[in-house]
Amino acid sequence: MPNPKRRHSKQRRDKRRTHWKLDTPGLSACANCHQPKLPHRVCPNCGYYDQRQITLTKEA
């Protein structure tokens, strides 16, 4: 089994890992209050999903 003869540098290691970063989540606007929310989830601001109230908020 071949083994590496020399250690890889930190620069070489970091160049390989440049694409490991996380993507920003895709946000959509709530149809009820127009605040940004994650798609296919209840709006944390108003508690609506698919034009139906699912949860009660502190305002109500």
N, C-alpha and C. Protein backbone atom coordinates (compact mmCIF):
# COMPACT_ATOMS: atom_id res chain seq x y z
N MET A 1 0.85 -1.17 0.00
CA MET A 1 0.00 0.00 0.00
C MET A 1 0.90 1.24 0.00
N PRO A 2 0.74 2.13 -0.95
CA PRO A 2 1.60 3.32 -0.98
C PRO A 2 1.22 4.31 0.13
N ASN A 3 2.22 4.88 0.70
CA ASN A 3 2.04 5.90 1.73
C ASN A 3 2.64 7.20 1.24
N PRO A 4 2.12 8.33 1.72
CA PRO A 4 2.69 9.60 1.29
C PRO A 4 4.12 9.76 1.80
N LYS A 5 4.97 10.26 0.94
CA LYS A 5 6.37 10.42 1.31
C LYS A 5 6.58 11.69 2.12
N ARG A 6 5.83 12.74 1.77
CA ARG A 6 5.95 14.02 2.48
C ARG A 6 4.56 14.50 2.91
N ARG A 7 4.57 15.34 3.90
CA ARG A 7 3.34 15.90 4.42
C ARG A 7 2.83 16.99 3.47
N HIS A 8 1.50 17.03 3.28
CA HIS A 8 0.91 18.07 2.44
C HIS A 8 0.87 19.37 3.23
N SER A 9 1.11 20.48 2.55
CA SER A 9 1.16 21.77 3.23
C SER A 9 -0.24 22.24 3.61
N LYS A 10 -0.31 23.22 4.51
CA LYS A 10 -1.59 23.79 4.92
C LYS A 10 -2.27 24.49 3.76
N GLN A 11 -1.48 25.10 2.90
CA GLN A 11 -2.03 25.78 1.75
C GLN A 11 -2.72 24.79 0.80
N ARG A 12 -2.09 23.66 0.59
CA ARG A 12 -2.67 22.65 -0.28
C ARG A 12 -3.95 22.07 0.33
N ARG A 13 -3.93 21.85 1.63
CA ARG A 13 -5.12 21.36 2.33
C ARG A 13 -6.26 22.38 2.23
N ASP A 14 -5.95 23.67 2.46
CA ASP A 14 -6.97 24.70 2.44
C ASP A 14 -7.52 24.95 1.04
N LYS A 15 -6.68 24.78 0.03
CA LYS A 15 -7.18 24.92 -1.35
C LYS A 15 -8.21 23.86 -1.67
N ARG A 16 -8.03 22.67 -1.12
CA ARG A 16 -8.98 21.60 -1.35
C ARG A 16 -10.30 21.87 -0.64
N ARG A 17 -10.25 22.57 0.47
CA ARG A 17 -11.44 22.80 1.29
C ARG A 17 -12.17 24.11 0.97
N THR A 18 -11.82 24.81 -0.08
CA THR A 18 -12.45 26.10 -0.37
C THR A 18 -13.93 25.97 -0.68
N HIS A 19 -14.37 24.81 -1.14
CA HIS A 19 -15.77 24.64 -1.52
C HIS A 19 -16.60 24.02 -0.42
N TRP A 20 -16.09 23.94 0.79
CA TRP A 20 -16.81 23.34 1.91
C TRP A 20 -17.77 24.29 2.59
N LYS A 21 -17.86 25.52 2.15
CA LYS A 21 -18.66 26.52 2.86
C LYS A 21 -20.16 26.23 2.71
N LEU A 22 -20.94 26.72 3.64
CA LEU A 22 -22.37 26.52 3.63
C LEU A 22 -23.03 27.56 2.73
N ASP A 23 -24.13 27.17 2.11
CA ASP A 23 -24.92 28.10 1.31
C ASP A 23 -25.93 28.80 2.22
N THR A 24 -26.30 30.01 1.83
CA THR A 24 -27.32 30.71 2.60
C THR A 24 -28.67 30.07 2.30
N PRO A 25 -29.55 29.97 3.30
CA PRO A 25 -30.84 29.34 3.05
C PRO A 25 -31.70 30.20 2.12
N GLY A 26 -32.43 29.55 1.25
CA GLY A 26 -33.32 30.27 0.34
C GLY A 26 -34.57 30.70 1.07
N LEU A 27 -34.79 32.00 1.17
CA LEU A 27 -35.95 32.52 1.89
C LEU A 27 -37.03 32.90 0.89
N SER A 28 -38.27 32.78 1.32
CA SER A 28 -39.40 33.24 0.52
C SER A 28 -40.23 34.18 1.39
N ALA A 29 -41.10 34.93 0.76
CA ALA A 29 -41.93 35.89 1.49
C ALA A 29 -43.22 35.19 1.94
N CYS A 30 -43.63 35.50 3.14
CA CYS A 30 -44.89 34.96 3.66
C CYS A 30 -46.04 35.60 2.89
N ALA A 31 -47.01 34.80 2.51
CA ALA A 31 -48.15 35.32 1.74
C ALA A 31 -49.06 36.19 2.61
N ASN A 32 -49.00 36.01 3.92
CA ASN A 32 -49.88 36.75 4.81
C ASN A 32 -49.25 38.06 5.30
N CYS A 33 -48.04 38.01 5.84
CA CYS A 33 -47.42 39.21 6.42
C CYS A 33 -46.23 39.71 5.62
N HIS A 34 -45.83 38.99 4.57
CA HIS A 34 -44.75 39.38 3.67
C HIS A 34 -43.39 39.49 4.35
N GLN A 35 -43.20 38.78 5.44
CA GLN A 35 -41.91 38.70 6.11
C GLN A 35 -41.14 37.51 5.54
N PRO A 36 -39.79 37.56 5.54
CA PRO A 36 -39.04 36.41 5.02
C PRO A 36 -39.19 35.19 5.93
N LYS A 37 -39.33 34.02 5.30
CA LYS A 37 -39.47 32.77 6.04
C LYS A 37 -38.87 31.66 5.19
N LEU A 38 -38.57 30.53 5.82
CA LEU A 38 -38.09 29.37 5.09
C LEU A 38 -39.25 28.73 4.33
N PRO A 39 -39.03 28.26 3.11
CA PRO A 39 -40.13 27.67 2.36
C PRO A 39 -40.62 26.36 2.99
N HIS A 40 -41.89 26.09 2.83
CA HIS A 40 -42.56 24.88 3.32
C HIS A 40 -42.53 24.80 4.85
N ARG A 41 -42.56 25.94 5.51
CA ARG A 41 -42.59 25.98 6.97
C ARG A 41 -43.58 27.05 7.42
N VAL A 42 -44.06 26.92 8.63
CA VAL A 42 -44.96 27.92 9.20
C VAL A 42 -44.19 29.21 9.40
N CYS A 43 -44.81 30.32 9.11
CA CYS A 43 -44.17 31.63 9.29
C CYS A 43 -43.97 31.88 10.78
N PRO A 44 -42.74 32.17 11.22
CA PRO A 44 -42.53 32.42 12.65
C PRO A 44 -43.10 33.75 13.10
N ASN A 45 -43.39 34.65 12.17
CA ASN A 45 -43.91 35.97 12.53
C ASN A 45 -45.41 35.94 12.78
N CYS A 46 -46.19 35.35 11.87
CA CYS A 46 -47.65 35.40 12.00
C CYS A 46 -48.28 34.03 12.27
N GLY A 47 -47.56 32.93 12.04
CA GLY A 47 -48.09 31.60 12.31
C GLY A 47 -48.94 31.03 11.19
N TYR A 48 -48.87 31.61 10.00
CA TYR A 48 -49.67 31.13 8.87
C TYR A 48 -48.84 30.21 8.00
N TYR A 49 -49.53 29.23 7.38
CA TYR A 49 -48.94 28.37 6.36
C TYR A 49 -50.02 28.06 5.35
N ASP A 50 -49.77 28.35 4.09
CA ASP A 50 -50.71 28.09 3.00
C ASP A 50 -52.04 28.80 3.25
N GLN A 51 -51.99 30.06 3.65
CA GLN A 51 -53.14 30.93 3.94
C GLN A 51 -54.07 30.37 5.02
N ARG A 52 -53.50 29.55 5.94
CA ARG A 52 -54.27 29.07 7.08
C ARG A 52 -53.46 29.33 8.33
N GLN A 53 -54.12 29.74 9.40
CA GLN A 53 -53.40 29.96 10.65
C GLN A 53 -53.17 28.62 11.33
N ILE A 54 -51.90 28.32 11.56
CA ILE A 54 -51.53 27.04 12.15
C ILE A 54 -51.24 27.20 13.63
N THR A 55 -50.47 28.22 13.99
CA THR A 55 -50.11 28.44 15.38
C THR A 55 -50.56 29.83 15.83
N LEU A 56 -50.80 29.97 17.09
CA LEU A 56 -51.12 31.26 17.64
C LEU A 56 -49.83 31.99 18.01
N THR A 57 -49.78 33.28 17.74
CA THR A 57 -48.60 34.06 18.07
C THR A 57 -48.83 34.82 19.37
N LYS A 58 -47.80 35.45 19.88
CA LYS A 58 -47.90 36.19 21.14
C LYS A 58 -48.81 37.41 20.99
N GLU A 59 -48.94 37.93 19.77
CA GLU A 59 -49.80 39.10 19.55
C GLU A 59 -51.25 38.76 19.77
N ALA A 60 -51.67 37.56 19.42
CA ALA A 60 -53.08 37.17 19.50
C ALA A 60 -53.49 36.72 20.87
